[in-house]
Protein backbone atom coordinates (compact mmCIF):
# COMPACT_ATOMS: atom_id res chain seq x y z
CA MET A 1 -38.95 8.49 47.22
CA ARG A 2 -37.42 10.92 44.45
CA THR A 3 -33.83 10.77 46.36
CA LEU A 4 -33.77 7.23 46.63
CA ALA A 5 -34.77 6.51 42.92
CA SER A 6 -32.14 9.25 41.39
CA ILE A 7 -29.41 6.96 44.13
CA ALA A 8 -30.68 3.65 42.97
CA LEU A 9 -30.93 4.14 39.18
CA PRO A 10 -27.29 4.24 38.44
CA PHE A 11 -27.18 1.20 39.88
CA VAL A 12 -29.94 -0.30 37.94
CA LEU A 13 -28.57 1.04 34.75
CA ILE A 14 -25.41 -0.84 35.67
CA ALA A 15 -26.84 -3.91 36.71
CA CYS A 16 -29.04 -3.99 33.42
CA SER A 17 -25.95 -3.28 31.27
CA GLY A 18 -24.36 -6.38 32.54
CA GLN A 19 -27.39 -8.49 31.36
CA GLN A 20 -27.87 -7.27 27.76
CA ALA A 21 -27.22 -9.61 25.39
CA GLU A 22 -23.64 -9.01 23.65
CA GLU A 23 -23.44 -8.29 20.11
CA PRO A 24 -21.93 -11.10 18.23
CA VAL A 25 -18.26 -11.55 17.25
CA VAL A 26 -18.24 -11.47 13.33
CA GLU A 27 -14.72 -12.26 12.24
CA GLU A 28 -14.34 -11.37 8.57
CA THR A 29 -11.59 -13.36 6.52
CA VAL A 30 -10.28 -11.66 3.79
CA ALA A 31 -9.80 -13.76 0.48
CA ALA A 32 -6.35 -13.21 -0.82
CA VAL A 33 -6.65 -11.29 -4.16
CA GLU A 34 -3.57 -12.81 -6.38
CA GLU A 35 -2.75 -11.05 -9.10
CA PRO A 36 -2.86 -12.80 -12.46
CA ALA A 37 -0.33 -14.36 -13.41
CA VAL A 38 1.84 -13.12 -16.35
CA THR A 39 1.97 -15.67 -19.51
CA ALA A 40 3.63 -15.18 -22.67
CA ALA A 41 2.18 -13.80 -25.79
CA ASN A 42 2.28 -17.37 -26.69
CA GLY A 43 0.34 -18.74 -24.02
CA ILE A 44 3.44 -20.37 -22.50
CA GLU A 45 3.72 -20.37 -18.73
CA PRO A 46 6.61 -19.04 -17.02
CA GLY A 47 9.22 -21.11 -16.02
CA LYS A 48 12.86 -21.88 -16.76
CA TYR A 49 13.85 -22.28 -20.80
CA GLU A 50 16.88 -22.69 -22.70
CA VAL A 51 17.23 -20.18 -25.99
CA SER A 52 19.31 -21.05 -28.51
CA TRP A 53 21.08 -18.13 -30.57
CA GLU A 54 21.74 -18.36 -34.05
CA ASP A 55 25.38 -18.51 -33.63
CA GLY A 56 25.09 -21.90 -31.79
CA THR A 57 25.47 -20.17 -28.20
CA ALA A 58 22.75 -21.22 -25.68
CA SER A 59 21.57 -18.64 -22.60
CA VAL A 60 19.18 -19.81 -19.88
CA MET A 61 15.84 -17.77 -19.34
CA GLU A 62 13.54 -18.04 -16.57
CA THR A 63 10.10 -15.93 -16.11
CA ARG A 64 8.11 -16.01 -12.95
CA ALA A 65 4.73 -15.59 -12.56
CA ASP A 66 5.17 -12.13 -11.15
CA GLY A 67 6.90 -10.30 -14.45
CA THR A 68 10.32 -10.68 -12.97
CA TYR A 69 12.99 -12.87 -14.79
CA THR A 70 16.79 -14.21 -14.42
CA ALA A 71 18.42 -14.73 -17.43
CA THR A 72 22.14 -16.40 -17.47
CA ALA A 73 23.99 -15.16 -20.83
CA PRO A 74 26.03 -17.42 -22.94
CA ASP A 75 29.22 -16.23 -21.21
CA GLY A 76 27.45 -16.97 -17.28
CA THR A 77 26.71 -12.92 -17.11
CA VAL A 78 23.39 -12.34 -14.81
CA ILE A 79 20.66 -10.36 -15.93
CA ASN A 80 17.44 -9.63 -13.84
CA GLY A 81 14.56 -7.55 -14.84
CA THR A 82 10.82 -7.47 -15.61
CA TRP A 83 8.78 -8.53 -18.70
CA VAL A 84 5.28 -7.73 -19.71
CA VAL A 85 2.93 -8.96 -22.80
CA THR A 86 2.41 -5.87 -24.67
CA ASP A 87 0.84 -5.42 -28.37
CA GLY A 88 1.05 -9.46 -28.53
CA LYS A 89 4.78 -9.41 -28.23
CA SER A 90 6.74 -10.51 -25.05
CA CYS A 91 8.72 -7.73 -24.08
CA PHE A 92 12.23 -8.06 -21.26
CA THR A 93 13.31 -4.99 -19.81
CA PRO A 94 16.83 -5.46 -17.83
CA GLU A 95 17.19 -3.12 -14.30
CA GLY A 96 18.64 -0.03 -15.68
CA GLY A 97 18.41 -1.10 -19.26
CA ASP A 98 16.29 -0.59 -22.36
CA GLY A 99 13.67 -3.35 -23.17
CA VAL A 100 13.62 -5.78 -26.06
CA CYS A 101 10.27 -7.12 -26.92
CA TRP A 102 10.25 -10.71 -29.13
CA THR A 103 7.27 -11.93 -31.06
CA GLU A 104 7.13 -15.55 -30.40
CA GLY A 105 5.74 -18.44 -32.62
CA ALA A 106 3.42 -21.31 -31.93
CA THR A 107 4.37 -24.02 -29.66
CA GLY A 108 5.57 -27.15 -31.18
CA GLU A 109 6.50 -30.82 -29.81
CA GLY A 110 8.07 -30.66 -26.29
CA GLY A 111 6.71 -26.71 -26.14
CA SER A 112 9.73 -25.46 -27.87
CA PHE A 113 8.94 -22.17 -30.33
CA THR A 114 10.57 -19.54 -31.88
CA ALA A 115 11.19 -15.92 -31.00
CA ASN A 116 11.78 -13.27 -33.32
CA PHE A 117 13.29 -9.58 -32.68
CA ASP A 118 12.40 -7.10 -34.62
CA GLU A 119 15.68 -6.56 -35.68
CA GLY A 120 15.95 -9.80 -37.68
CA VAL A 121 17.49 -12.04 -34.80
CA THR A 122 15.72 -15.17 -34.53
CA VAL A 123 16.08 -17.63 -31.27
CA THR A 124 14.91 -21.53 -30.09
CA VAL A 125 13.40 -21.71 -26.86
CA THR A 126 12.90 -24.75 -25.16
CA PRO A 127 11.78 -26.16 -22.16
CA ARG A 128 14.12 -26.75 -19.68
CA VAL A 129 13.49 -30.01 -17.62
CA VAL A 130 15.08 -30.25 -14.81
CA ALA A 131 15.69 -33.64 -13.15
CA PRO A 132 14.43 -34.58 -9.36
CA ALA A 133 17.57 -34.32 -6.95
CA GLU A 134 18.56 -37.80 -5.70
């Protein structure tokens, strides 16, 4: 009998293992963690802006929520870089260059505001409205 039990035991275990309740499959959903969007020191949202300089020239600045920007200078030169808000100022650092920080005024009618560079330069920044494509 002992011999029969020792021969049958592996088969019983195999048979029982197929009858065990299966563990429920739990799918974990990991919510995407979004980095907080960068906003300018005065709270304006990222976007395209026209920057009017004291000498009457204008450039275009596109800031993005990921902390990058592209600026097109009055002469057409394109500058890419990063921007952050530090000590209440919006600071822009071009690729391979030194950063410049601006103190921004409150937004006025139409979302325009002035920004002052520590060296005494003042610019007027105006949201750029892009007409929808037809």
